[in-house]
Protein backbone atom coordinates (compact mmCIF):
# COMPACT_ATOMS: atom_id res chain seq x y z
CA MET A 1 -43.75 -38.93 44.30
CA ARG A 2 -44.67 -38.13 47.91
CA ARG A 3 -41.48 -39.35 49.08
CA SER A 4 -39.77 -37.56 46.66
CA LEU A 5 -41.24 -34.54 47.50
CA ALA A 6 -40.34 -34.75 51.16
CA LEU A 7 -37.05 -35.57 50.26
CA ALA A 8 -36.72 -32.23 48.38
CA LEU A 9 -38.67 -30.49 51.33
CA LEU A 10 -35.90 -31.54 53.97
CA LEU A 11 -33.14 -30.54 51.78
CA VAL A 12 -34.17 -27.31 50.74
CA THR A 13 -34.84 -26.36 54.95
CA ALA A 14 -31.17 -27.87 55.62
CA LEU A 15 -30.09 -25.50 53.01
CA ALA A 16 -31.85 -23.06 54.51
CA GLY A 17 -30.51 -23.56 57.80
CA CYS A 18 -26.72 -23.60 56.59
CA GLY A 19 -27.45 -20.21 54.97
CA GLY A 20 -29.21 -18.58 57.90
CA SER A 21 -25.97 -19.47 60.12
CA GLU A 22 -23.51 -18.17 57.71
CA HIS A 23 -21.43 -15.06 59.29
CA GLU A 24 -21.13 -12.05 56.70
CA ARG A 25 -17.87 -11.94 55.02
CA VAL A 26 -15.67 -8.96 56.29
CA ASP A 27 -12.50 -7.91 54.92
CA PRO A 28 -9.94 -9.23 56.03
CA GLU A 29 -7.54 -6.77 56.09
CA LEU A 30 -9.88 -4.65 58.42
CA MET A 31 -10.37 -8.02 60.57
CA LEU A 32 -6.27 -8.32 60.79
CA ASP A 33 -6.52 -4.55 61.57
CA GLN A 34 -9.05 -4.89 64.54
CA ALA A 35 -7.29 -8.52 65.47
CA THR A 36 -3.78 -6.65 65.80
CA ALA A 37 -5.37 -3.47 67.54
CA GLN A 38 -7.09 -4.77 70.22
CA GLY A 39 -4.55 -7.72 71.16
CA ILE A 40 -5.04 -10.09 73.92
CA SER A 41 -5.21 -8.86 77.34
CA ASN A 42 -5.41 -11.93 79.15
CA ALA A 43 -6.51 -15.71 78.44
CA SER A 44 -5.99 -19.25 78.15
CA VAL A 45 -3.62 -20.68 75.18
CA GLU A 46 -2.72 -23.96 74.01
CA ILE A 47 0.58 -23.92 71.93
CA ASP A 48 1.52 -26.81 69.76
CA ALA A 49 4.51 -26.14 68.09
CA SER A 50 7.45 -28.07 65.91
CA LEU A 51 10.99 -26.72 65.80
CA GLN A 52 13.99 -28.38 63.38
CA VAL A 53 17.17 -26.93 63.46
CA LEU A 54 19.00 -26.10 60.59
CA GLY A 55 22.83 -27.46 59.85
CA VAL A 56 23.37 -29.23 62.82
CA ASP A 57 23.07 -32.74 61.96
CA ARG A 58 22.21 -34.21 65.67
CA LEU A 59 19.51 -31.83 66.05
CA SER A 60 18.14 -33.04 62.65
CA GLN A 61 14.79 -34.56 64.67
CA PRO A 62 12.10 -32.23 65.43
CA LEU A 63 11.67 -30.42 68.87
CA ARG A 64 8.25 -30.97 69.79
CA LEU A 65 6.95 -28.81 72.35
CA ARG A 66 3.21 -28.73 73.60
CA LEU A 67 2.09 -25.48 76.41
CA ASP A 68 -1.20 -24.64 77.48
CA GLY A 69 -2.58 -22.32 80.33
CA PRO A 70 -3.29 -19.00 81.65
CA TYR A 71 -1.68 -15.90 80.14
CA LEU A 72 -1.32 -12.20 80.70
CA SER A 73 -0.07 -9.26 78.93
CA ASN A 74 2.04 -6.78 80.64
CA GLY A 75 1.88 -4.52 78.01
CA THR A 76 5.02 -2.73 76.87
CA GLU A 77 6.30 -2.79 80.20
CA ARG A 78 7.28 -6.30 81.48
CA ILE A 79 7.11 -9.52 79.34
CA PRO A 80 3.88 -11.58 79.47
CA SER A 81 2.84 -13.41 82.77
CA PHE A 82 1.66 -17.30 82.25
CA ASP A 83 1.57 -20.16 84.10
CA TRP A 84 1.77 -23.60 81.27
CA ARG A 85 2.42 -26.50 81.92
CA LEU A 86 5.29 -28.00 79.15
CA SER A 87 5.56 -31.38 77.34
CA ALA A 88 8.34 -31.54 74.65
CA SER A 89 10.38 -34.54 72.81
CA ALA A 90 13.58 -33.37 72.38
CA LEU A 91 16.78 -35.38 71.33
CA GLY A 92 14.30 -38.50 71.21
CA PHE A 93 13.73 -38.20 75.23
CA PRO A 94 10.14 -37.08 76.47
CA VAL A 95 10.35 -33.72 78.55
CA GLY A 96 7.49 -32.83 81.30
CA GLY A 97 7.37 -29.75 83.23
CA LYS A 98 6.35 -26.29 83.91
CA VAL A 99 7.25 -23.07 82.62
CA LEU A 100 6.10 -19.79 84.70
CA SER A 101 6.34 -16.23 84.37
CA THR A 102 5.26 -13.44 86.70
CA GLY A 103 6.43 -10.61 84.45
CA ASP A 104 9.26 -9.91 86.80
CA ASN A 105 11.06 -13.67 87.21
CA VAL A 106 10.76 -16.49 85.26
CA TYR A 107 10.89 -20.28 86.72
CA LEU A 108 11.17 -23.62 84.95
CA THR A 109 10.58 -27.45 86.27
CA LEU A 110 12.18 -30.15 84.80
CA TYR A 111 13.00 -33.60 85.60
CA GLY A 112 12.11 -32.20 89.08
CA ASN A 113 14.72 -30.09 88.85
CA ASP A 114 13.10 -26.50 89.59
CA TYR A 115 15.42 -23.33 87.67
CA GLU A 116 14.99 -19.81 87.93
CA VAL A 117 16.30 -17.11 85.06
CA GLY A 118 16.72 -14.28 87.71
CA SER A 119 14.99 -11.29 88.64
CA SER A 120 17.94 -9.18 87.34
CA ALA A 121 17.80 -10.71 84.00
CA VAL A 122 14.17 -10.65 83.60
CA ALA A 123 14.69 -6.76 84.42
CA ALA A 124 17.03 -6.09 82.04
CA ALA A 125 14.95 -7.76 79.73
CA ASN A 126 11.83 -5.88 80.70
CA GLN A 127 14.06 -2.54 80.35
CA ARG A 128 14.95 -3.73 76.36
CA ILE A 129 11.10 -3.94 75.97
CA GLN A 130 10.91 -0.61 76.99
CA GLN A 131 13.12 0.97 75.60
CA ALA A 132 12.26 -0.77 71.96
CA SER A 133 8.91 0.06 72.66
CA ALA A 134 9.62 3.67 73.26
CA ALA A 135 12.09 3.80 69.87
CA ALA A 136 9.16 2.38 68.04
CA GLY A 137 6.69 5.33 68.64
CA SER A 138 3.42 3.14 68.08
CA PRO A 139 1.85 0.35 70.02
CA ARG A 140 3.59 -3.14 70.14
CA GLU A 141 -0.16 -4.02 68.44
CA GLY A 142 -0.11 -1.91 65.63
CA ARG A 143 3.92 -3.38 65.20
CA LEU A 144 2.50 -6.89 64.93
CA ARG A 145 0.19 -5.80 62.01
CA SER A 146 3.51 -4.38 59.88
CA TRP A 147 4.40 -8.29 60.22
CA PHE A 148 1.53 -9.49 57.57
CA GLY A 149 1.15 -9.07 54.33
CA PRO A 150 -1.55 -9.23 52.17
CA ALA A 151 -4.86 -10.72 53.79
CA ARG A 152 -7.44 -13.38 51.72
CA VAL A 153 -9.61 -15.19 53.39
CA VAL A 154 -9.57 -19.26 53.39
CA GLY A 155 -13.20 -20.04 55.05
CA ASN A 156 -15.20 -19.87 58.00
CA ASP A 157 -14.34 -22.02 61.28
CA SER A 158 -14.62 -22.31 65.11
CA ALA A 159 -11.34 -21.98 66.97
CA GLY A 160 -11.30 -21.33 71.00
CA GLY A 161 -15.27 -21.83 71.18
CA THR A 162 -15.80 -18.71 68.69
CA ASP A 163 -16.77 -18.93 65.38
CA CYS A 164 -14.54 -17.06 63.15
CA GLU A 165 -12.79 -16.03 59.76
CA ARG A 166 -9.80 -17.74 58.67
CA ILE A 167 -7.56 -15.46 57.05
CA ALA A 168 -3.76 -16.31 55.32
CA THR A 169 -1.00 -13.79 54.43
CA ARG A 170 2.73 -13.98 54.51
CA LEU A 171 4.95 -12.83 56.92
CA ARG A 172 6.88 -9.35 56.00
CA PRO A 173 10.33 -10.66 56.42
CA ASP A 174 11.86 -7.22 56.77
CA GLN A 175 8.94 -5.92 59.84
CA THR A 176 9.48 -9.42 61.00
CA SER A 177 13.15 -9.28 61.66
CA ARG A 178 12.86 -5.62 63.41
CA GLY A 179 10.46 -6.98 65.85
CA LEU A 180 12.48 -9.79 66.67
CA ALA A 181 15.50 -7.60 67.04
CA PRO A 182 14.67 -7.14 71.13
CA LEU A 183 14.24 -10.85 71.86
CA ALA A 184 17.48 -11.31 69.64
CA SER A 185 19.27 -9.05 71.77
CA ALA A 186 18.03 -10.67 74.78
CA LEU A 187 19.04 -13.95 73.61
CA GLY A 188 22.49 -12.61 72.80
CA ILE A 189 22.31 -12.55 69.30
CA SER A 190 23.95 -9.93 67.53
CA GLN A 191 21.38 -9.41 64.67
CA PRO A 192 18.02 -10.35 64.56
CA PRO A 193 17.30 -13.25 62.53
CA ALA A 194 15.99 -12.97 58.88
CA VAL A 195 12.24 -14.68 59.06
CA SER A 196 10.14 -16.09 55.75
CA GLY A 197 6.77 -17.71 55.83
CA ARG A 198 3.09 -17.99 56.32
CA ALA A 199 0.76 -17.41 58.76
CA THR A 200 -2.94 -18.06 59.25
CA ALA A 201 -5.53 -16.61 61.81
CA CYS A 202 -8.73 -17.13 62.89
CA VAL A 203 -10.62 -14.03 63.78
CA GLY A 204 -13.96 -14.00 65.60
CA TYR A 205 -16.60 -12.59 64.14
CA ASP A 206 -18.24 -11.01 67.09
CA ASP A 207 -15.07 -10.03 69.00
CA ARG A 208 -12.69 -9.40 66.42
CA ARG A 209 -10.23 -10.94 68.22
CA PHE A 210 -7.28 -13.93 67.52
CA HIS A 211 -8.70 -17.09 68.48
CA GLU A 212 -6.08 -19.02 66.87
CA LEU A 213 -2.75 -18.15 64.91
CA GLN A 214 -0.50 -20.79 62.47
CA LEU A 215 2.71 -20.30 61.74
CA ASP A 216 4.89 -21.72 59.44
CA ALA A 217 8.29 -19.99 59.07
CA VAL A 218 11.84 -20.50 58.27
CA ILE A 219 14.27 -18.57 60.33
CA GLU A 220 18.04 -18.06 59.39
CA PHE A 221 20.49 -16.65 61.81
CA PRO A 222 23.19 -13.89 60.76
CA PRO A 223 26.69 -16.21 59.80
CA VAL A 224 28.20 -13.76 62.31
CA ASP A 225 26.28 -15.77 65.14
CA ARG A 226 25.80 -19.12 63.92
CA GLU A 227 29.42 -20.21 65.34
CA GLN A 228 27.87 -19.43 69.19
CA LEU A 229 24.96 -21.45 67.75
CA GLY A 230 27.13 -24.10 67.40
CA GLY A 231 26.96 -24.19 63.79
CA ALA A 232 23.25 -23.69 63.51
CA THR A 233 22.31 -21.82 60.22
CA GLY A 234 18.59 -21.31 61.06
CA ALA A 235 15.21 -23.45 62.22
CA ARG A 236 11.87 -23.97 60.49
CA LEU A 237 9.25 -23.07 62.95
CA ASN A 238 5.36 -24.77 62.85
CA ALA A 239 2.99 -23.59 65.35
CA ASP A 240 -0.62 -23.97 66.32
CA VAL A 241 -1.52 -21.28 69.01
CA VAL A 242 -5.44 -21.41 70.14
CA ILE A 243 -7.09 -18.64 72.04
CA SER A 244 -9.98 -19.04 74.49
CA ASP A 245 -11.57 -17.80 77.71
CA ILE A 246 -10.53 -13.85 76.67
CA GLY A 247 -10.96 -11.31 79.27
CA GLU A 248 -11.13 -14.06 81.59
CA GLN A 249 -9.61 -13.40 84.79
CA GLN A 250 -6.16 -15.62 85.14
CA PRO A 251 -4.28 -15.87 88.14
CA VAL A 252 -0.42 -16.26 87.76
CA SER A 253 1.63 -16.47 91.00
CA ALA A 254 5.57 -16.89 92.15
CA PRO A 255 6.01 -20.77 92.98
CA LYS A 256 7.82 -21.13 96.34
CA GLY A 257 10.87 -23.12 97.29
CA ASP A 258 14.30 -23.05 96.02
CA PHE A 259 15.49 -22.90 92.47
CA ARG A 260 18.79 -23.12 90.65
CA PRO A 261 20.54 -20.50 87.93
CA ILE A 262 19.01 -21.14 84.40
CA GLU A 263 22.71 -21.09 83.85
CA ASP A 264 22.94 -24.95 85.42
CA LEU A 265 20.20 -26.07 82.46
CA PHE A 266 22.32 -24.15 79.89
CA ALA A 267 25.71 -25.93 80.93
CA THR A 268 23.43 -29.80 80.73
CA LEU A 269 22.17 -28.85 77.37
CA ASN A 270 25.43 -27.73 75.71
CA ASP A 271 27.12 -31.02 76.86
CA LEU A 272 24.03 -32.77 74.99
CA GLY A 273 24.88 -31.06 72.00
CA VAL A 274 21.83 -28.35 71.97
CA PRO A 275 23.20 -24.77 71.02
CA ILE A 276 22.60 -21.85 73.49
CA PRO A 277 23.38 -18.49 72.88
CA HIS A 278 25.58 -17.16 75.50
């Protein structure tokens, strides 16, 4: 009898402790509003992604990519700055290297070879970002919120070292495609791709910021652009982005040395059968 009573008391105590650690549930729409409104100024990120090209037999195996390192937002004036270690698997070959952006230039190291996009090309991309932002007439964070449809809570969790609420939503195809228009233009694609799928966000209870974002999306390329993409009709993207150390200083500086033009890498990839817009 005493043993049964002791076990019952332990169980009640454990349940009471779990209940005390629960966070009050918040409207998921409100949490998404607040998370997208604040954005991420600087942080440490880990990106784990899988991209499967559709319509090209020789690229039927997914490209797997992992990136991690510091990130700094440059607002609506420039592309973000970051300094990321890179590991990938493509066409059956492992790839390791580094990708770095200062906001004014982008550098890539693969197989010991160093490449740069070039300051003039990045300046043109930054100009398109500024023009798109001015034309939209609203902050970039507000436009991101429009990508997400009705939201629902699917549980609580921890991500990036922070307690958060998991919120599931569908991507809005029209808004998502419109938001990708500047990127499509920068890549030489005449029309933005059609995008559909779902997203799950982990939003911090206390800071109301994104600490993880998972995407499962299908991307459909416009028929007019498929020829220059090697016949690819689209792609399937699965990505998991974990965000930590939000607000902490994340220094990024330009590397030193000699860098080959990125076009040299594109030519090599085209020779391997990887479609690169031109």
